[in-house]
Amino acid sequence: MFGGGIIIDFFKKLMEQALDLELTVRFTKRDGEWFAALGDELDGLPLEELEEYRSELEARLHDMDDDEPEDMAGEEFEQWADAHESLEDLLSEVEDRIDELT
């Protein structure tokens, strides 16, 4: 699973911070464990790095899809859906920036 409510809230807040500060956020999943860290300014990344970052975010979105809770009526699903939406928003910001540069 993606993790308990505390972990999901952490990732959601981190993604919101990244959007507010226009920073990248790096997600990794190793041995079923999620890790994240804020990174570079989105506006400072060249096109090639933005495209790599977009691919990275798309991969993490697929990882989250794999961890979708089965009970769609439960609180865990609601938290997961909020975090998923935040990641989609971050991906959208990256795609908008790529569009600006192309």
N, C-alpha and C. Protein backbone atom coordinates (compact mmCIF):
# COMPACT_ATOMS: atom_id res chain seq x y z
N MET A 1 0.83 -1.20 0.00
CA MET A 1 0.00 0.00 0.00
C MET A 1 0.86 1.26 0.00
N PHE A 2 0.28 2.35 -0.36
CA PHE A 2 0.98 3.64 -0.42
C PHE A 2 1.44 4.07 0.96
N GLY A 3 0.71 3.71 1.98
CA GLY A 3 1.11 4.07 3.33
C GLY A 3 -0.06 4.59 4.11
N GLY A 4 0.15 4.77 5.40
CA GLY A 4 -0.90 5.26 6.26
C GLY A 4 -1.20 6.72 6.01
N GLY A 5 -2.20 7.21 6.73
CA GLY A 5 -2.64 8.59 6.56
C GLY A 5 -1.56 9.62 6.78
N ILE A 6 -0.68 9.36 7.74
CA ILE A 6 0.39 10.31 8.03
C ILE A 6 1.33 10.44 6.83
N ILE A 7 1.70 9.32 6.23
CA ILE A 7 2.60 9.35 5.07
C ILE A 7 1.92 10.05 3.91
N ILE A 8 0.67 9.73 3.67
CA ILE A 8 -0.06 10.34 2.56
C ILE A 8 -0.15 11.84 2.77
N ASP A 9 -0.47 12.27 3.99
CA ASP A 9 -0.54 13.70 4.29
C ASP A 9 0.81 14.37 4.06
N PHE A 10 1.89 13.69 4.45
CA PHE A 10 3.23 14.23 4.24
C PHE A 10 3.51 14.47 2.76
N PHE A 11 3.22 13.46 1.93
CA PHE A 11 3.47 13.60 0.49
C PHE A 11 2.59 14.69 -0.11
N LYS A 12 1.34 14.76 0.32
CA LYS A 12 0.44 15.79 -0.19
C LYS A 12 0.98 17.18 0.16
N LYS A 13 1.39 17.38 1.40
CA LYS A 13 1.93 18.68 1.82
C LYS A 13 3.22 19.00 1.08
N LEU A 14 4.06 18.01 0.88
CA LEU A 14 5.31 18.23 0.15
C LEU A 14 5.02 18.65 -1.29
N MET A 15 4.06 18.01 -1.92
CA MET A 15 3.71 18.38 -3.30
C MET A 15 3.13 19.79 -3.35
N GLU A 16 2.31 20.13 -2.36
CA GLU A 16 1.75 21.48 -2.31
C GLU A 16 2.86 22.52 -2.11
N GLN A 17 3.84 22.21 -1.24
CA GLN A 17 4.98 23.12 -1.06
C GLN A 17 5.74 23.28 -2.35
N ALA A 18 5.96 22.19 -3.05
CA ALA A 18 6.68 22.25 -4.32
C ALA A 18 5.94 23.15 -5.30
N LEU A 19 4.62 23.02 -5.36
CA LEU A 19 3.83 23.88 -6.26
C LEU A 19 3.92 25.33 -5.84
N ASP A 20 3.76 25.60 -4.54
CA ASP A 20 3.80 26.98 -4.04
C ASP A 20 5.15 27.64 -4.27
N LEU A 21 6.23 26.88 -4.05
CA LEU A 21 7.57 27.43 -4.17
C LEU A 21 8.17 27.26 -5.57
N GLU A 22 7.41 26.61 -6.45
CA GLU A 22 7.85 26.31 -7.82
C GLU A 22 9.18 25.56 -7.81
N LEU A 23 9.23 24.53 -6.96
CA LEU A 23 10.39 23.67 -6.85
C LEU A 23 10.05 22.27 -7.35
N THR A 24 11.07 21.54 -7.73
CA THR A 24 10.85 20.14 -8.05
C THR A 24 10.74 19.37 -6.73
N VAL A 25 10.12 18.23 -6.78
CA VAL A 25 10.10 17.31 -5.65
C VAL A 25 10.44 15.94 -6.21
N ARG A 26 11.42 15.30 -5.62
CA ARG A 26 11.90 14.02 -6.13
C ARG A 26 11.32 12.90 -5.28
N PHE A 27 10.61 11.98 -5.95
CA PHE A 27 10.02 10.82 -5.29
C PHE A 27 10.73 9.57 -5.76
N THR A 28 10.96 8.68 -4.84
CA THR A 28 11.48 7.37 -5.19
C THR A 28 10.73 6.33 -4.37
N LYS A 29 10.68 5.13 -4.90
CA LYS A 29 10.08 4.02 -4.19
C LYS A 29 11.06 2.86 -4.28
N ARG A 30 11.56 2.46 -3.12
CA ARG A 30 12.52 1.36 -3.06
C ARG A 30 12.05 0.34 -2.03
N ASP A 31 11.99 -0.90 -2.47
CA ASP A 31 11.57 -1.99 -1.58
C ASP A 31 10.26 -1.68 -0.86
N GLY A 32 9.32 -1.06 -1.60
CA GLY A 32 8.01 -0.76 -1.04
C GLY A 32 7.96 0.48 -0.17
N GLU A 33 9.08 1.15 0.02
CA GLU A 33 9.15 2.36 0.85
C GLU A 33 9.22 3.60 -0.05
N TRP A 34 8.49 4.65 0.33
CA TRP A 34 8.50 5.91 -0.42
C TRP A 34 9.45 6.89 0.22
N PHE A 35 10.16 7.67 -0.61
CA PHE A 35 11.07 8.72 -0.16
C PHE A 35 10.81 9.96 -1.00
N ALA A 36 11.01 11.15 -0.41
CA ALA A 36 10.79 12.38 -1.16
C ALA A 36 11.69 13.49 -0.63
N ALA A 37 12.01 14.44 -1.51
CA ALA A 37 12.82 15.60 -1.14
C ALA A 37 12.54 16.73 -2.12
N LEU A 38 12.54 17.96 -1.62
CA LEU A 38 12.42 19.12 -2.50
C LEU A 38 13.73 19.32 -3.23
N GLY A 39 13.64 19.81 -4.48
CA GLY A 39 14.83 19.98 -5.31
C GLY A 39 14.95 21.35 -5.91
N ASP A 40 15.32 21.39 -7.18
CA ASP A 40 15.62 22.63 -7.90
C ASP A 40 14.37 23.44 -8.22
N GLU A 41 14.61 24.73 -8.55
CA GLU A 41 13.52 25.58 -9.01
C GLU A 41 13.08 25.14 -10.39
N LEU A 42 11.78 25.03 -10.55
CA LEU A 42 11.20 24.56 -11.81
C LEU A 42 11.59 25.47 -12.97
N ASP A 43 11.55 26.78 -12.74
CA ASP A 43 11.87 27.74 -13.81
C ASP A 43 13.33 27.70 -14.22
N GLY A 44 14.20 27.17 -13.36
CA GLY A 44 15.61 27.13 -13.67
C GLY A 44 16.06 25.89 -14.42
N LEU A 45 15.15 24.94 -14.61
CA LEU A 45 15.54 23.70 -15.29
C LEU A 45 15.48 23.86 -16.81
N PRO A 46 16.49 23.36 -17.50
CA PRO A 46 16.42 23.36 -18.96
C PRO A 46 15.39 22.33 -19.44
N LEU A 47 15.02 22.45 -20.70
CA LEU A 47 13.97 21.61 -21.28
C LEU A 47 14.25 20.12 -21.07
N GLU A 48 15.48 19.69 -21.33
CA GLU A 48 15.82 18.27 -21.20
C GLU A 48 15.58 17.75 -19.78
N GLU A 49 15.97 18.53 -18.78
CA GLU A 49 15.75 18.12 -17.39
C GLU A 49 14.27 18.13 -17.03
N LEU A 50 13.53 19.11 -17.57
CA LEU A 50 12.09 19.14 -17.33
C LEU A 50 11.41 17.90 -17.90
N GLU A 51 11.84 17.49 -19.08
CA GLU A 51 11.26 16.30 -19.69
C GLU A 51 11.60 15.05 -18.89
N GLU A 52 12.81 14.97 -18.36
CA GLU A 52 13.19 13.85 -17.50
C GLU A 52 12.37 13.87 -16.21
N TYR A 53 12.18 15.06 -15.66
CA TYR A 53 11.39 15.21 -14.43
C TYR A 53 9.94 14.80 -14.68
N ARG A 54 9.40 15.19 -15.84
CA ARG A 54 8.04 14.79 -16.20
C ARG A 54 7.94 13.27 -16.23
N SER A 55 8.91 12.61 -16.84
CA SER A 55 8.90 11.14 -16.90
C SER A 55 8.96 10.53 -15.50
N GLU A 56 9.77 11.14 -14.65
CA GLU A 56 9.89 10.67 -13.27
C GLU A 56 8.55 10.79 -12.54
N LEU A 57 7.88 11.94 -12.70
CA LEU A 57 6.58 12.14 -12.05
C LEU A 57 5.54 11.18 -12.60
N GLU A 58 5.56 10.94 -13.90
CA GLU A 58 4.62 9.99 -14.50
C GLU A 58 4.84 8.59 -13.93
N ALA A 59 6.09 8.22 -13.74
CA ALA A 59 6.39 6.91 -13.16
C ALA A 59 5.89 6.81 -11.72
N ARG A 60 6.06 7.88 -10.95
CA ARG A 60 5.56 7.87 -9.58
C ARG A 60 4.04 7.83 -9.56
N LEU A 61 3.39 8.48 -10.52
CA LEU A 61 1.94 8.43 -10.61
C LEU A 61 1.47 7.00 -10.88
N HIS A 62 2.18 6.29 -11.72
CA HIS A 62 1.86 4.88 -11.99
C HIS A 62 2.09 4.03 -10.74
N ASP A 63 3.15 4.34 -9.98
CA ASP A 63 3.38 3.63 -8.71
C ASP A 63 2.21 3.86 -7.76
N MET A 64 1.75 5.11 -7.69
CA MET A 64 0.60 5.40 -6.83
C MET A 64 -0.63 4.66 -7.31
N ASP A 65 -0.83 4.60 -8.62
CA ASP A 65 -1.98 3.86 -9.16
C ASP A 65 -1.94 2.41 -8.71
N ASP A 66 -0.74 1.83 -8.69
CA ASP A 66 -0.59 0.44 -8.25
C ASP A 66 -0.93 0.27 -6.78
N ASP A 67 -0.79 1.34 -6.00
CA ASP A 67 -1.04 1.29 -4.56
C ASP A 67 -2.43 1.81 -4.18
N GLU A 68 -3.30 1.97 -5.17
CA GLU A 68 -4.64 2.49 -4.89
C GLU A 68 -5.38 1.58 -3.91
N PRO A 69 -5.92 2.14 -2.83
CA PRO A 69 -6.68 1.33 -1.87
C PRO A 69 -7.91 0.71 -2.53
N GLU A 70 -8.23 -0.49 -2.10
CA GLU A 70 -9.37 -1.19 -2.69
C GLU A 70 -10.70 -0.62 -2.24
N ASP A 71 -10.78 -0.18 -0.99
CA ASP A 71 -12.04 0.36 -0.45
C ASP A 71 -12.19 1.81 -0.86
N MET A 72 -12.98 2.04 -1.92
CA MET A 72 -13.12 3.40 -2.45
C MET A 72 -13.97 4.30 -1.55
N ALA A 73 -14.61 3.72 -0.54
CA ALA A 73 -15.44 4.51 0.35
C ALA A 73 -14.72 4.86 1.65
N GLY A 74 -13.53 4.33 1.84
CA GLY A 74 -12.82 4.53 3.09
C GLY A 74 -12.00 5.80 3.13
N GLU A 75 -11.56 6.15 4.34
CA GLU A 75 -10.74 7.35 4.54
C GLU A 75 -9.38 7.21 3.87
N GLU A 76 -8.84 5.98 3.87
CA GLU A 76 -7.54 5.77 3.25
C GLU A 76 -7.60 6.11 1.75
N PHE A 77 -8.72 5.74 1.10
CA PHE A 77 -8.87 6.06 -0.32
C PHE A 77 -8.95 7.58 -0.52
N GLU A 78 -9.69 8.25 0.35
CA GLU A 78 -9.82 9.72 0.23
C GLU A 78 -8.46 10.40 0.36
N GLN A 79 -7.65 9.94 1.31
CA GLN A 79 -6.32 10.51 1.48
C GLN A 79 -5.45 10.20 0.28
N TRP A 80 -5.55 8.96 -0.20
CA TRP A 80 -4.78 8.57 -1.38
C TRP A 80 -5.18 9.44 -2.58
N ALA A 81 -6.48 9.65 -2.76
CA ALA A 81 -6.99 10.43 -3.89
C ALA A 81 -6.49 11.88 -3.81
N ASP A 82 -6.45 12.45 -2.62
CA ASP A 82 -5.94 13.82 -2.45
C ASP A 82 -4.46 13.90 -2.83
N ALA A 83 -3.68 12.92 -2.38
CA ALA A 83 -2.25 12.91 -2.71
C ALA A 83 -2.05 12.68 -4.20
N HIS A 84 -2.86 11.82 -4.78
CA HIS A 84 -2.79 11.53 -6.22
C HIS A 84 -3.09 12.79 -7.02
N GLU A 85 -4.12 13.52 -6.59
CA GLU A 85 -4.49 14.76 -7.28
C GLU A 85 -3.37 15.80 -7.17
N SER A 86 -2.72 15.88 -6.01
CA SER A 86 -1.60 16.82 -5.84
C SER A 86 -0.45 16.47 -6.77
N LEU A 87 -0.18 15.19 -6.93
CA LEU A 87 0.87 14.77 -7.85
C LEU A 87 0.49 15.09 -9.29
N GLU A 88 -0.78 14.90 -9.63
CA GLU A 88 -1.24 15.28 -10.98
C GLU A 88 -1.09 16.77 -11.21
N ASP A 89 -1.38 17.58 -10.18
CA ASP A 89 -1.22 19.04 -10.29
C ASP A 89 0.24 19.41 -10.52
N LEU A 90 1.14 18.75 -9.80
CA LEU A 90 2.56 19.01 -9.97
C LEU A 90 3.00 18.63 -11.38
N LEU A 91 2.54 17.50 -11.86
CA LEU A 91 2.85 17.07 -13.23
C LEU A 91 2.32 18.08 -14.24
N SER A 92 1.14 18.61 -14.01
CA SER A 92 0.56 19.61 -14.89
C SER A 92 1.41 20.88 -14.94
N GLU A 93 1.93 21.29 -13.78
CA GLU A 93 2.81 22.47 -13.74
C GLU A 93 4.06 22.24 -14.57
N VAL A 94 4.62 21.05 -14.48
CA VAL A 94 5.82 20.72 -15.25
C VAL A 94 5.50 20.74 -16.74
N GLU A 95 4.37 20.17 -17.11
CA GLU A 95 3.97 20.16 -18.52
C GLU A 95 3.72 21.57 -19.04
N ASP A 96 3.15 22.43 -18.21
CA ASP A 96 2.95 23.83 -18.61
C ASP A 96 4.29 24.52 -18.85
N ARG A 97 5.25 24.25 -17.98
CA ARG A 97 6.58 24.85 -18.14
C ARG A 97 7.25 24.35 -19.41
N ILE A 98 7.10 23.06 -19.71
CA ILE A 98 7.64 22.50 -20.95
C ILE A 98 7.01 23.18 -22.15
N ASP A 99 5.70 23.39 -22.09
CA ASP A 99 5.00 24.07 -23.18
C ASP A 99 5.52 25.49 -23.41
N GLU A 100 5.85 26.16 -22.30
CA GLU A 100 6.40 27.52 -22.40
C GLU A 100 7.73 27.53 -23.14
N LEU A 101 8.50 26.47 -22.98
CA LEU A 101 9.84 26.42 -23.57
C LEU A 101 9.87 25.86 -24.98
N THR A 102 8.76 25.30 -25.43
CA THR A 102 8.76 24.70 -26.77
C THR A 102 7.93 25.51 -27.73
